[in-house]
Amino acid sequence: MRKRLTLLGAAVIALAASARAQQPGHAHVVLIVGASGEPQYADAFHRAAAQIDSAARTRYGVPSGDVVWLEEDTTRAPGRIAGRSTRENVERALTSLAARCAPGDQVWIVLIGHGSSEGDSPRFNLPGPDMSAADFARLLAGFSKQTVAFVDASSASADFAKALAGPNRAIVTATKVAGERNATRFARYFAAALATGAADTDKDGGVSLLEAFTYAQRETARSYETENHLQTEHAQLEDDGDGVASTTPAVDAADGRLAAAIVLGGAGAGDPRAGTLVARRRALELQVADLRRRRAGMDSTAYWQQMETVLVDLARTAHAVRALEAKP
């Protein structure tokens, strides 16, 4: 049986390694750019937000009405920035979004700026009163029927992972400990992952949260190494709800599976038939990854039987997707 799987597995196992879940029903993006403090940071924060905003609207086809961008200085992009990033406006934007989101939608919330942490009270710095992790936890309660990708790319953001952990939530922080207080670079590379598609490892036109995280984490480390500087930030991800984040998430690890399922864009977005097939392919890819993760605790015969069934179905589905996409 193992020999029979060899050729088939070789054709699809690379695809399974970058497993994705079902395409979500609808995407919403909220960008919150906090207090900059200095012009150099204001410029850097704005560039990252502008990249993500443009990518969401154009590359991934998120309707303009479903992209909310709040920033300290609204004159930087008139007509695109919805308002100042005050605590009141952030609360209003997230409360309004929660009221109109449909069950099964995906919500991307990206914080770009500076953060601080005192004791067990991590905060994101805004013009005016800051917002704490507890404030965001209260607002996220309104998205109990949606899948949430919450990215805090600010300094001292580590404790947001524990504070916001919950079902159907993937939490990314730019730092792994509260003591990493220097200005971070993570947002720059996270934006590039989405804007350039450089993180799209399986070339299906979509970028998952896990792909974007992995790319941004790698490029952040590379930037410090290139400059021969001590790395002062280490990104982490939490998505299994236990509040314990990982710096090495993967689709077949404790953290990473949900993040692989949260995808912006993707093949078949404009064709319902292709979209259905892509969703099935991604679901099957996750089954492969899940089987591999559980292999040690399974009977060998049962493992190979289940794996063969899934791989055959996956190969057929992948072929159907390619055939449909090849049609003019």
C-alpha atoms as a PDB file:
ATOM      1  CA  MET A   1       0.000   0.000   0.000  1.00  0.00           C
ATOM      2  CA  ARG A   2       2.859   2.362   0.765  1.00  0.00           C
ATOM      3  CA  LYS A   3       4.264   1.824  -2.713  1.00  0.00           C
ATOM      4  CA  ARG A   4       0.906   2.658  -4.255  1.00  0.00           C
ATOM      5  CA  LEU A   5       0.893   5.911  -2.324  1.00  0.00           C
ATOM      6  CA  THR A   6       4.387   6.940  -3.344  1.00  0.00           C
ATOM      7  CA  LEU A   7       3.663   8.257  -6.837  1.00  0.00           C
ATOM      8  CA  LEU A   8       0.330   9.753  -5.918  1.00  0.00           C
ATOM      9  CA  GLY A   9       1.693  11.297  -2.750  1.00  0.00           C
ATOM     10  CA  ALA A  10       4.619  12.828  -4.594  1.00  0.00           C
ATOM     11  CA  ALA A  11       2.209  14.659  -6.881  1.00  0.00           C
ATOM     12  CA  VAL A  12       0.143  16.218  -4.133  1.00  0.00           C
ATOM     13  CA  ILE A  13       2.115  16.258  -0.897  1.00  0.00           C
ATOM     14  CA  ALA A  14       3.746  19.611  -1.678  1.00  0.00           C
ATOM     15  CA  LEU A  15       0.281  21.021  -2.166  1.00  0.00           C
ATOM     16  CA  ALA A  16      -0.847  19.553   1.117  1.00  0.00           C
ATOM     17  CA  ALA A  17       2.095  21.055   2.971  1.00  0.00           C
ATOM     18  CA  SER A  18       0.652  24.529   2.417  1.00  0.00           C
ATOM     19  CA  ALA A  19      -2.828  23.426   3.366  1.00  0.00           C
ATOM     20  CA  ARG A  20      -5.775  25.783   3.277  1.00  0.00           C
ATOM     21  CA  ALA A  21      -9.318  25.516   4.557  1.00  0.00           C
ATOM     22  CA  GLN A  22     -12.596  26.433   2.919  1.00  0.00           C
ATOM     23  CA  GLN A  23     -12.840  29.827   1.276  1.00  0.00           C
ATOM     24  CA  PRO A  24     -14.647  32.150   3.689  1.00  0.00           C
ATOM     25  CA  GLY A  25     -17.943  33.730   2.684  1.00  0.00           C
ATOM     26  CA  HIS A  26     -16.894  37.381   2.719  1.00  0.00           C
ATOM     27  CA  ALA A  27     -13.865  39.380   3.822  1.00  0.00           C
ATOM     28  CA  HIS A  28     -13.742  42.573   5.871  1.00  0.00           C
ATOM     29  CA  VAL A  29     -10.549  44.506   6.632  1.00  0.00           C
ATOM     30  CA  VAL A  30     -10.034  47.047   9.412  1.00  0.00           C
ATOM     31  CA  LEU A  31      -6.750  48.973   9.480  1.00  0.00           C
ATOM     32  CA  ILE A  32      -5.913  50.945  12.617  1.00  0.00           C
ATOM     33  CA  VAL A  33      -2.813  53.135  12.495  1.00  0.00           C
ATOM     34  CA  GLY A  34      -1.966  54.439  15.948  1.00  0.00           C
ATOM     35  CA  ALA A  35      -0.088  57.418  17.302  1.00  0.00           C
ATOM     36  CA  SER A  36       3.242  57.799  15.536  1.00  0.00           C
ATOM     37  CA  GLY A  37       5.213  60.054  17.894  1.00  0.00           C
ATOM     38  CA  GLU A  38       7.764  60.963  15.221  1.00  0.00           C
ATOM     39  CA  PRO A  39       7.521  61.788  11.477  1.00  0.00           C
ATOM     40  CA  GLN A  40       9.659  58.811  10.466  1.00  0.00           C
ATOM     41  CA  TYR A  41       7.240  56.441  12.145  1.00  0.00           C
ATOM     42  CA  ALA A  42       4.220  58.266  10.758  1.00  0.00           C
ATOM     43  CA  ASP A  43       5.576  57.737   7.254  1.00  0.00           C
ATOM     44  CA  ALA A  44       6.429  54.068   7.816  1.00  0.00           C
ATOM     45  CA  PHE A  45       3.077  53.281   9.436  1.00  0.00           C
ATOM     46  CA  HIS A  46       1.185  55.032   6.652  1.00  0.00           C
ATOM     47  CA  ARG A  47       3.063  53.201   3.899  1.00  0.00           C
ATOM     48  CA  ALA A  48       2.263  49.815   5.433  1.00  0.00           C
ATOM     49  CA  ALA A  49      -1.418  50.651   5.862  1.00  0.00           C
ATOM     50  CA  ALA A  50      -1.667  52.063   2.329  1.00  0.00           C
ATOM     51  CA  GLN A  51      -0.183  48.867   0.897  1.00  0.00           C
ATOM     52  CA  ILE A  52      -2.657  46.670   2.741  1.00  0.00           C
ATOM     53  CA  ASP A  53      -5.578  48.941   1.836  1.00  0.00           C
ATOM     54  CA  SER A  54      -4.696  48.877  -1.864  1.00  0.00           C
ATOM     55  CA  ALA A  55      -4.083  45.134  -1.864  1.00  0.00           C
ATOM     56  CA  ALA A  56      -7.407  44.413  -0.179  1.00  0.00           C
ATOM     57  CA  ARG A  57      -9.387  46.541  -2.629  1.00  0.00           C
ATOM     58  CA  THR A  58      -7.598  45.658  -5.870  1.00  0.00           C
ATOM     59  CA  ARG A  59      -5.579  42.459  -5.572  1.00  0.00           C
ATOM     60  CA  TYR A  60      -8.133  40.587  -3.450  1.00  0.00           C
ATOM     61  CA  GLY A  61     -11.344  42.294  -4.537  1.00  0.00           C
ATOM     62  CA  VAL A  62     -12.600  43.311  -1.095  1.00  0.00           C
ATOM     63  CA  PRO A  63     -15.340  45.925  -1.707  1.00  0.00           C
ATOM     64  CA  SER A  64     -14.378  49.440  -0.655  1.00  0.00           C
ATOM     65  CA  GLY A  65     -17.263  49.479   1.804  1.00  0.00           C
ATOM     66  CA  ASP A  66     -15.722  46.506   3.590  1.00  0.00           C
ATOM     67  CA  VAL A  67     -12.329  48.144   4.107  1.00  0.00           C
ATOM     68  CA  VAL A  68     -12.141  50.574   7.030  1.00  0.00           C
ATOM     69  CA  TRP A  69      -8.927  52.554   7.471  1.00  0.00           C
ATOM     70  CA  LEU A  70      -8.402  54.745  10.524  1.00  0.00           C
ATOM     71  CA  GLU A  71      -5.251  56.834  10.948  1.00  0.00           C
ATOM     72  CA  GLU A  72      -3.872  59.641  13.048  1.00  0.00           C
ATOM     73  CA  ASP A  73      -3.654  62.029  10.089  1.00  0.00           C
ATOM     74  CA  THR A  74      -6.598  61.664   7.707  1.00  0.00           C
ATOM     75  CA  THR A  75      -5.119  64.105   5.159  1.00  0.00           C
ATOM     76  CA  ARG A  76      -2.552  61.503   4.084  1.00  0.00           C
ATOM     77  CA  ALA A  77      -5.137  59.668   1.969  1.00  0.00           C
ATOM     78  CA  PRO A  78      -8.357  61.681   1.645  1.00  0.00           C
ATOM     79  CA  GLY A  79     -11.299  59.560   0.596  1.00  0.00           C
ATOM     80  CA  ARG A  80      -9.622  56.347   1.678  1.00  0.00           C
ATOM     81  CA  ILE A  81      -8.973  56.982   5.369  1.00  0.00           C
ATOM     82  CA  ALA A  82     -12.382  56.836   7.029  1.00  0.00           C
ATOM     83  CA  GLY A  83     -11.462  58.844  10.114  1.00  0.00           C
ATOM     84  CA  ARG A  84      -8.942  59.493  12.863  1.00  0.00           C
ATOM     85  CA  SER A  85      -7.788  56.489  14.856  1.00  0.00           C
ATOM     86  CA  THR A  86      -9.233  57.642  18.143  1.00  0.00           C
ATOM     87  CA  ARG A  87     -10.562  55.203  20.703  1.00  0.00           C
ATOM     88  CA  GLU A  88     -14.094  56.373  19.992  1.00  0.00           C
ATOM     89  CA  ASN A  89     -13.746  55.815  16.245  1.00  0.00           C
ATOM     90  CA  VAL A  90     -12.138  52.397  16.675  1.00  0.00           C
ATOM     91  CA  GLU A  91     -14.958  51.258  18.938  1.00  0.00           C
ATOM     92  CA  ARG A  92     -17.553  52.662  16.563  1.00  0.00           C
ATOM     93  CA  ALA A  93     -15.973  50.974  13.528  1.00  0.00           C
ATOM     94  CA  LEU A  94     -15.728  47.538  15.130  1.00  0.00           C
ATOM     95  CA  THR A  95     -19.186  47.713  16.700  1.00  0.00           C
ATOM     96  CA  SER A  96     -20.713  48.719  13.369  1.00  0.00           C
ATOM     97  CA  LEU A  97     -18.868  45.956  11.541  1.00  0.00           C
ATOM     98  CA  ALA A  98     -19.997  43.338  14.046  1.00  0.00           C
ATOM     99  CA  ALA A  99     -23.606  44.386  13.473  1.00  0.00           C
ATOM    100  CA  ARG A 100     -23.448  43.885   9.705  1.00  0.00           C
ATOM    101  CA  CYS A 101     -21.123  40.871   9.424  1.00  0.00           C
ATOM    102  CA  ALA A 102     -22.731  37.633   8.305  1.00  0.00           C
ATOM    103  CA  PRO A 103     -21.990  34.323  10.023  1.00  0.00           C
ATOM    104  CA  GLY A 104     -18.979  32.674   8.412  1.00  0.00           C
ATOM    105  CA  ASP A 105     -17.394  35.925   7.240  1.00  0.00           C
ATOM    106  CA  GLN A 106     -13.721  36.566   7.899  1.00  0.00           C
ATOM    107  CA  VAL A 107     -12.565  39.744   9.636  1.00  0.00           C
ATOM    108  CA  TRP A 108      -8.997  41.007   9.375  1.00  0.00           C
ATOM    109  CA  ILE A 109      -8.059  43.595  12.015  1.00  0.00           C
ATOM    110  CA  VAL A 110      -4.552  45.017  11.659  1.00  0.00           C
ATOM    111  CA  LEU A 111      -2.959  47.345  14.213  1.00  0.00           C
ATOM    112  CA  ILE A 112       0.078  49.319  13.027  1.00  0.00           C
ATOM    113  CA  GLY A 113       1.953  51.572  15.427  1.00  0.00           C
ATOM    114  CA  HIS A 114       3.464  51.641  18.896  1.00  0.00           C
ATOM    115  CA  GLY A 115       2.419  49.681  21.930  1.00  0.00           C
ATOM    116  CA  SER A 116       3.185  49.565  25.617  1.00  0.00           C
ATOM    117  CA  SER A 117       2.761  47.130  28.459  1.00  0.00           C
ATOM    118  CA  GLU A 118       2.546  47.605  32.192  1.00  0.00           C
ATOM    119  CA  GLY A 119       2.002  44.479  34.216  1.00  0.00           C
ATOM    120  CA  ASP A 120      -0.842  42.506  32.640  1.00  0.00           C
ATOM    121  CA  SER A 121      -2.244  45.481  30.743  1.00  0.00           C
ATOM    122  CA  PRO A 122      -0.841  45.638  27.185  1.00  0.00           C
ATOM    123  CA  ARG A 123      -1.978  48.674  25.237  1.00  0.00           C
ATOM    124  CA  PHE A 124      -2.046  49.983  21.697  1.00  0.00           C
ATOM    125  CA  ASN A 125      -1.140  53.667  21.486  1.00  0.00           C
ATOM    126  CA  LEU A 126      -3.732  55.926  19.844  1.00  0.00           C
ATOM    127  CA  PRO A 127      -4.060  59.691  19.451  1.00  0.00           C
ATOM    128  CA  GLY A 128      -5.821  60.429  22.723  1.00  0.00           C
ATOM    129  CA  PRO A 129      -6.692  57.604  25.129  1.00  0.00           C
ATOM    130  CA  ASP A 130      -5.010  54.285  24.332  1.00  0.00           C
ATOM    131  CA  MET A 131      -6.855  50.983  23.984  1.00  0.00           C
ATOM    132  CA  SER A 132      -5.978  47.964  26.076  1.00  0.00           C
ATOM    133  CA  ALA A 133      -6.119  44.304  25.141  1.00  0.00           C
ATOM    134  CA  ALA A 134      -9.194  44.066  27.379  1.00  0.00           C
ATOM    135  CA  ASP A 135     -10.884  46.765  25.293  1.00  0.00           C
ATOM    136  CA  PHE A 136     -10.270  44.817  22.111  1.00  0.00           C
ATOM    137  CA  ALA A 137     -11.381  41.560  23.763  1.00  0.00           C
ATOM    138  CA  ARG A 138     -14.706  43.209  24.583  1.00  0.00           C
ATOM    139  CA  LEU A 139     -15.142  44.351  20.984  1.00  0.00           C
ATOM    140  CA  LEU A 140     -14.137  40.980  19.512  1.00  0.00           C
ATOM    141  CA  ALA A 141     -16.963  39.353  21.472  1.00  0.00           C
ATOM    142  CA  GLY A 142     -19.242  40.766  18.788  1.00  0.00           C
ATOM    143  CA  PHE A 143     -17.656  38.483  16.178  1.00  0.00           C
ATOM    144  CA  SER A 144     -18.547  35.128  17.720  1.00  0.00           C
ATOM    145  CA  LYS A 145     -19.943  33.785  14.433  1.00  0.00           C
ATOM    146  CA  GLN A 146     -17.088  35.006  12.262  1.00  0.00           C
ATOM    147  CA  THR A 147     -13.452  34.015  11.846  1.00  0.00           C
ATOM    148  CA  VAL A 148     -11.093  36.727  13.071  1.00  0.00           C
ATOM    149  CA  ALA A 149      -7.501  37.448  12.087  1.00  0.00           C
ATOM    150  CA  PHE A 150      -6.161  39.969  14.592  1.00  0.00           C
ATOM    151  CA  VAL A 151      -2.687  41.299  13.838  1.00  0.00           C
ATOM    152  CA  ASP A 152      -1.008  43.585  16.364  1.00  0.00           C
ATOM    153  CA  ALA A 153       2.164  44.722  14.663  1.00  0.00           C
ATOM    154  CA  SER A 154       3.145  47.109  17.432  1.00  0.00           C
ATOM    155  CA  SER A 155       5.897  46.987  20.027  1.00  0.00           C
ATOM    156  CA  ALA A 156       5.297  45.274  23.393  1.00  0.00           C
ATOM    157  CA  SER A 157       2.322  43.475  21.844  1.00  0.00           C
ATOM    158  CA  ALA A 158       3.066  39.935  23.060  1.00  0.00           C
ATOM    159  CA  ASP A 159       0.402  39.727  25.747  1.00  0.00           C
ATOM    160  CA  PHE A 160      -2.382  40.471  23.256  1.00  0.00           C
ATOM    161  CA  ALA A 161      -2.113  36.822  22.183  1.00  0.00           C
ATOM    162  CA  LYS A 162      -3.210  35.506  25.560  1.00  0.00           C
ATOM    163  CA  ALA A 163      -5.767  38.249  26.171  1.00  0.00           C
ATOM    164  CA  LEU A 164      -7.570  37.793  22.843  1.00  0.00           C
ATOM    165  CA  ALA A 165      -7.306  34.011  22.380  1.00  0.00           C
ATOM    166  CA  GLY A 166     -10.584  32.285  21.653  1.00  0.00           C
ATOM    167  CA  PRO A 167     -12.515  30.073  19.235  1.00  0.00           C
ATOM    168  CA  ASN A 168     -12.162  30.998  15.554  1.00  0.00           C
ATOM    169  CA  ARG A 169      -9.539  33.617  16.300  1.00  0.00           C
ATOM    170  CA  ALA A 170      -5.986  33.777  15.016  1.00  0.00           C
ATOM    171  CA  ILE A 171      -3.888  36.308  16.920  1.00  0.00           C
ATOM    172  CA  VAL A 172      -0.557  37.587  15.622  1.00  0.00           C
ATOM    173  CA  THR A 173       1.762  39.819  17.629  1.00  0.00           C
ATOM    174  CA  ALA A 174       5.012  41.371  16.469  1.00  0.00           C
ATOM    175  CA  THR A 175       6.760  40.518  19.740  1.00  0.00           C
ATOM    176  CA  LYS A 176       6.945  37.390  21.875  1.00  0.00           C
ATOM    177  CA  VAL A 177       7.545  39.165  25.202  1.00  0.00           C
ATOM    178  CA  ALA A 178       6.243  42.435  26.580  1.00  0.00           C
ATOM    179  CA  GLY A 179       9.813  43.617  27.098  1.00  0.00           C
ATOM    180  CA  GLU A 180      10.388  43.941  23.339  1.00  0.00           C
ATOM    181  CA  ARG A 181       9.545  47.633  23.379  1.00  0.00           C
ATOM    182  CA  ASN A 182      11.530  49.002  20.437  1.00  0.00           C
ATOM    183  CA  ALA A 183       9.662  50.144  17.329  1.00  0.00           C
ATOM    184  CA  THR A 184       8.883  47.106  15.195  1.00  0.00           C
ATOM    185  CA  ARG A 185       9.429  46.337  11.508  1.00  0.00           C
ATOM    186  CA  PHE A 186       6.924  43.498  11.251  1.00  0.00           C
ATOM    187  CA  ALA A 187       4.137  45.643   9.721  1.00  0.00           C
ATOM    188  CA  ARG A 188       6.382  46.595   6.800  1.00  0.00           C
ATOM    189  CA  TYR A 189       6.873  42.994   5.761  1.00  0.00           C
ATOM    190  CA  PHE A 190       3.355  41.862   6.613  1.00  0.00           C
ATOM    191  CA  ALA A 191       2.075  44.554   4.245  1.00  0.00           C
ATOM    192  CA  ALA A 192       4.525  43.428   1.563  1.00  0.00           C
ATOM    193  CA  ALA A 193       3.339  39.824   1.952  1.00  0.00           C
ATOM    194  CA  LEU A 194      -0.197  40.871   1.075  1.00  0.00           C
ATOM    195  CA  ALA A 195       0.582  43.618  -1.428  1.00  0.00           C
ATOM    196  CA  THR A 196       3.117  41.782  -3.588  1.00  0.00           C
ATOM    197  CA  GLY A 197       1.830  38.248  -3.231  1.00  0.00           C
ATOM    198  CA  ALA A 198       5.359  37.185  -2.325  1.00  0.00           C
ATOM    199  CA  ALA A 199       3.939  34.988   0.425  1.00  0.00           C
ATOM    200  CA  ASP A 200       1.637  33.070  -1.948  1.00  0.00           C
ATOM    201  CA  THR A 201       3.642  29.854  -1.831  1.00  0.00           C
ATOM    202  CA  ASP A 202       1.164  27.680  -3.739  1.00  0.00           C
ATOM    203  CA  LYS A 203       0.521  30.387  -6.363  1.00  0.00           C
ATOM    204  CA  ASP A 204      -3.262  30.151  -6.170  1.00  0.00           C
ATOM    205  CA  GLY A 205      -3.735  33.928  -6.058  1.00  0.00           C
ATOM    206  CA  GLY A 206      -4.594  34.072  -2.358  1.00  0.00           C
ATOM    207  CA  VAL A 207      -2.526  34.693   0.752  1.00  0.00           C
ATOM    208  CA  SER A 208      -3.369  33.032   4.047  1.00  0.00           C
ATOM    209  CA  LEU A 209      -2.662  34.594   7.405  1.00  0.00           C
ATOM    210  CA  LEU A 210      -0.123  31.837   8.051  1.00  0.00           C
ATOM    211  CA  GLU A 211       1.656  32.544   4.762  1.00  0.00           C
ATOM    212  CA  ALA A 212       1.741  36.281   5.474  1.00  0.00           C
ATOM    213  CA  PHE A 213       3.004  35.679   9.011  1.00  0.00           C
ATOM    214  CA  THR A 214       5.737  33.299   7.876  1.00  0.00           C
ATOM    215  CA  TYR A 215       6.928  35.685   5.171  1.00  0.00           C
ATOM    216  CA  ALA A 216       6.897  38.741   7.461  1.00  0.00           C
ATOM    217  CA  GLN A 217       8.652  36.874  10.260  1.00  0.00           C
ATOM    218  CA  ARG A 218      11.387  35.656   7.915  1.00  0.00           C
ATOM    219  CA  GLU A 219      11.930  39.030   6.219  1.00  0.00           C
ATOM    220  CA  THR A 220      11.955  40.877   9.538  1.00  0.00           C
ATOM    221  CA  ALA A 221      14.733  38.617  10.804  1.00  0.00           C
ATOM    222  CA  ARG A 222      16.602  39.017   7.525  1.00  0.00           C
ATOM    223  CA  SER A 223      16.485  42.816   7.753  1.00  0.00           C
ATOM    224  CA  TYR A 224      18.160  42.797  11.172  1.00  0.00           C
ATOM    225  CA  GLU A 225      20.745  40.289  10.013  1.00  0.00           C
ATOM    226  CA  THR A 226      21.542  42.306   6.876  1.00  0.00           C
ATOM    227  CA  GLU A 227      22.138  45.414   8.973  1.00  0.00           C
ATOM    228  CA  ASN A 228      24.106  43.427  11.542  1.00  0.00           C
ATOM    229  CA  HIS A 229      21.764  44.628  14.269  1.00  0.00           C
ATOM    230  CA  LEU A 230      20.468  42.707  17.267  1.00  0.00           C
ATOM    231  CA  GLN A 231      16.925  41.572  16.526  1.00  0.00           C
ATOM    232  CA  THR A 232      14.592  43.244  19.017  1.00  0.00           C
ATOM    233  CA  GLU A 233      11.295  41.694  17.893  1.00  0.00           C
ATOM    234  CA  HIS A 234      10.140  38.108  17.427  1.00  0.00           C
ATOM    235  CA  ALA A 235       6.661  37.594  16.040  1.00  0.00           C
ATOM    236  CA  GLN A 236       4.326  34.884  17.321  1.00  0.00           C
ATOM    237  CA  LEU A 237       0.931  33.417  16.426  1.00  0.00           C
ATOM    238  CA  GLU A 238      -1.850  31.856  18.502  1.00  0.00           C
ATOM    239  CA  ASP A 239      -4.883  30.238  16.902  1.00  0.00           C
ATOM    240  CA  ASP A 240      -5.923  27.152  18.876  1.00  0.00           C
ATOM    241  CA  GLY A 241      -7.533  29.166  21.667  1.00  0.00           C
ATOM    242  CA  ASP A 242      -5.261  28.119  24.531  1.00  0.00           C
ATOM    243  CA  GLY A 243      -3.600  31.518  24.853  1.00  0.00           C
ATOM    244  CA  VAL A 244      -0.105  30.117  24.341  1.00  0.00           C
ATOM    245  CA  ALA A 245       1.434  31.541  21.155  1.00  0.00           C
ATOM    246  CA  SER A 246       4.116  29.983  19.000  1.00  0.00           C
ATOM    247  CA  THR A 247       7.005  31.480  17.058  1.00  0.00           C
ATOM    248  CA  THR A 248       6.979  28.441  14.756  1.00  0.00           C
ATOM    249  CA  PRO A 249       3.347  27.924  13.731  1.00  0.00           C
ATOM    250  CA  ALA A 250       2.516  25.406  11.017  1.00  0.00           C
ATOM    251  CA  VAL A 251      -0.574  23.830   9.549  1.00  0.00           C
ATOM    252  CA  ASP A 252       0.169  20.533  11.328  1.00  0.00           C
ATOM    253  CA  ALA A 253       1.268  22.095  14.623  1.00  0.00           C
ATOM    254  CA  ALA A 254      -0.709  23.229  17.659  1.00  0.00           C
ATOM    255  CA  ASP A 255      -0.829  26.767  16.254  1.00  0.00           C
ATOM    256  CA  GLY A 256      -1.141  27.516  12.558  1.00  0.00           C
ATOM    257  CA  ARG A 257      -4.016  25.428  11.270  1.00  0.00           C
ATOM    258  CA  LEU A 258      -6.685  28.139  11.584  1.00  0.00           C
ATOM    259  CA  ALA A 259      -4.281  30.778  10.268  1.00  0.00           C
ATOM    260  CA  ALA A 260      -3.788  28.630   7.163  1.00  0.00           C
ATOM    261  CA  ALA A 261      -7.555  28.651   6.696  1.00  0.00           C
ATOM    262  CA  ILE A 262      -7.953  32.438   6.796  1.00  0.00           C
ATOM    263  CA  VAL A 263      -7.266  33.486   3.216  1.00  0.00           C
ATOM    264  CA  LEU A 264      -7.540  36.740   1.289  1.00  0.00           C
ATOM    265  CA  GLY A 265      -8.277  36.172  -2.382  1.00  0.00           C
ATOM    266  CA  GLY A 266      -7.554  32.897  -4.116  1.00  0.00           C
ATOM    267  CA  ALA A 267      -8.196  31.052  -7.319  1.00  0.00           C
ATOM    268  CA  GLY A 268     -11.782  30.776  -8.432  1.00  0.00           C
ATOM    269  CA  ALA A 269     -12.952  33.893  -6.607  1.00  0.00           C
ATOM    270  CA  GLY A 270     -14.910  35.045  -9.638  1.00  0.00           C
ATOM    271  CA  ASP A 271     -16.310  31.663 -10.684  1.00  0.00           C
ATOM    272  CA  PRO A 272     -18.711  29.828  -8.336  1.00  0.00           C
ATOM    273  CA  ARG A 273     -17.795  26.440  -9.875  1.00  0.00           C
ATOM    274  CA  ALA A 274     -14.079  27.001  -9.402  1.00  0.00           C
ATOM    275  CA  GLY A 275     -14.693  28.472  -5.975  1.00  0.00           C
ATOM    276  CA  THR A 276     -16.499  25.330  -4.850  1.00  0.00           C
ATOM    277  CA  LEU A 277     -13.704  23.116  -6.135  1.00  0.00           C
ATOM    278  CA  VAL A 278     -11.002  25.281  -4.541  1.00  0.00           C
ATOM    279  CA  ALA A 279     -12.870  25.131  -1.233  1.00  0.00           C
ATOM    280  CA  ARG A 280     -13.015  21.329  -1.472  1.00  0.00           C
ATOM    281  CA  ARG A 281      -9.339  21.130  -2.406  1.00  0.00           C
ATOM    282  CA  ARG A 282      -8.375  23.212   0.603  1.00  0.00           C
ATOM    283  CA  ALA A 283     -10.540  21.131   2.922  1.00  0.00           C
ATOM    284  CA  LEU A 284      -8.873  17.957   1.635  1.00  0.00           C
ATOM    285  CA  GLU A 285      -5.428  19.503   2.029  1.00  0.00           C
ATOM    286  CA  LEU A 286      -6.229  20.162   5.674  1.00  0.00           C
ATOM    287  CA  GLN A 287      -7.346  16.551   6.080  1.00  0.00           C
ATOM    288  CA  VAL A 288      -3.947  15.440   4.814  1.00  0.00           C
ATOM    289  CA  ALA A 289      -2.187  17.729   7.263  1.00  0.00           C
ATOM    290  CA  ASP A 290      -4.431  16.578  10.107  1.00  0.00           C
ATOM    291  CA  LEU A 291      -3.768  12.920   9.363  1.00  0.00           C
ATOM    292  CA  ARG A 292      -0.025  13.550   9.314  1.00  0.00           C
ATOM    293  CA  ARG A 293      -0.302  15.321  12.664  1.00  0.00           C
ATOM    294  CA  ARG A 294      -2.220  12.397  14.225  1.00  0.00           C
ATOM    295  CA  ARG A 295      -0.153   9.629  12.652  1.00  0.00           C
ATOM    296  CA  ALA A 296       1.815   8.740  15.789  1.00  0.00           C
ATOM    297  CA  GLY A 297      -1.365   7.882  17.659  1.00  0.00           C
ATOM    298  CA  MET A 298      -3.060   5.924  14.869  1.00  0.00           C
ATOM    299  CA  ASP A 299      -2.970   2.296  13.803  1.00  0.00           C
ATOM    300  CA  SER A 300      -0.604   2.065  10.825  1.00  0.00           C
ATOM    301  CA  THR A 301      -3.085   0.286   8.552  1.00  0.00           C
ATOM    302  CA  ALA A 302      -5.877   2.741   9.351  1.00  0.00           C
ATOM    303  CA  TYR A 303      -3.551   5.658   8.763  1.00  0.00           C
ATOM    304  CA  TRP A 304      -2.486   4.522   5.278  1.00  0.00           C
ATOM    305  CA  GLN A 305      -6.040   3.597   4.274  1.00  0.00           C
ATOM    306  CA  GLN A 306      -7.393   6.991   5.270  1.00  0.00           C
ATOM    307  CA  MET A 307      -4.449   8.788   3.703  1.00  0.00           C
ATOM    308  CA  GLU A 308      -4.890   6.967   0.395  1.00  0.00           C
ATOM    309  CA  THR A 309      -8.593   7.839   0.263  1.00  0.00           C
ATOM    310  CA  VAL A 310      -7.957  11.512   0.924  1.00  0.00           C
ATOM    311  CA  LEU A 311      -5.006  11.755  -1.479  1.00  0.00           C
ATOM    312  CA  VAL A 312      -6.983  10.180  -4.326  1.00  0.00           C
ATOM    313  CA  ASP A 313      -9.850  12.617  -3.745  1.00  0.00           C
ATOM    314  CA  LEU A 314      -7.396  15.492  -3.510  1.00  0.00           C
ATOM    315  CA  ALA A 315      -5.667  14.556  -6.765  1.00  0.00           C
ATOM    316  CA  ARG A 316      -8.997  14.363  -8.605  1.00  0.00           C
ATOM    317  CA  THR A 317     -10.168  17.677  -7.184  1.00  0.00           C
ATOM    318  CA  ALA A 318      -6.890  19.416  -7.990  1.00  0.00           C
ATOM    319  CA  HIS A 319      -7.117  18.126 -11.567  1.00  0.00           C
ATOM    320  CA  ALA A 320     -10.686  19.449 -11.867  1.00  0.00           C
ATOM    321  CA  VAL A 321      -9.582  22.870 -10.603  1.00  0.00           C
ATOM    322  CA  ARG A 322      -6.759  23.043 -13.140  1.00  0.00           C
ATOM    323  CA  ALA A 323      -9.072  21.961 -15.965  1.00  0.00           C
ATOM    324  CA  LEU A 324     -11.639  24.618 -15.096  1.00  0.00           C
ATOM    325  CA  GLU A 325      -9.032  27.358 -14.733  1.00  0.00           C
ATOM    326  CA  ALA A 326      -7.546  26.409 -18.134  1.00  0.00           C
ATOM    327  CA  LYS A 327     -10.833  27.085 -19.914  1.00  0.00           C
ATOM    328  CA  PRO A 328     -11.012  30.487 -21.697  1.00  0.00           C
END
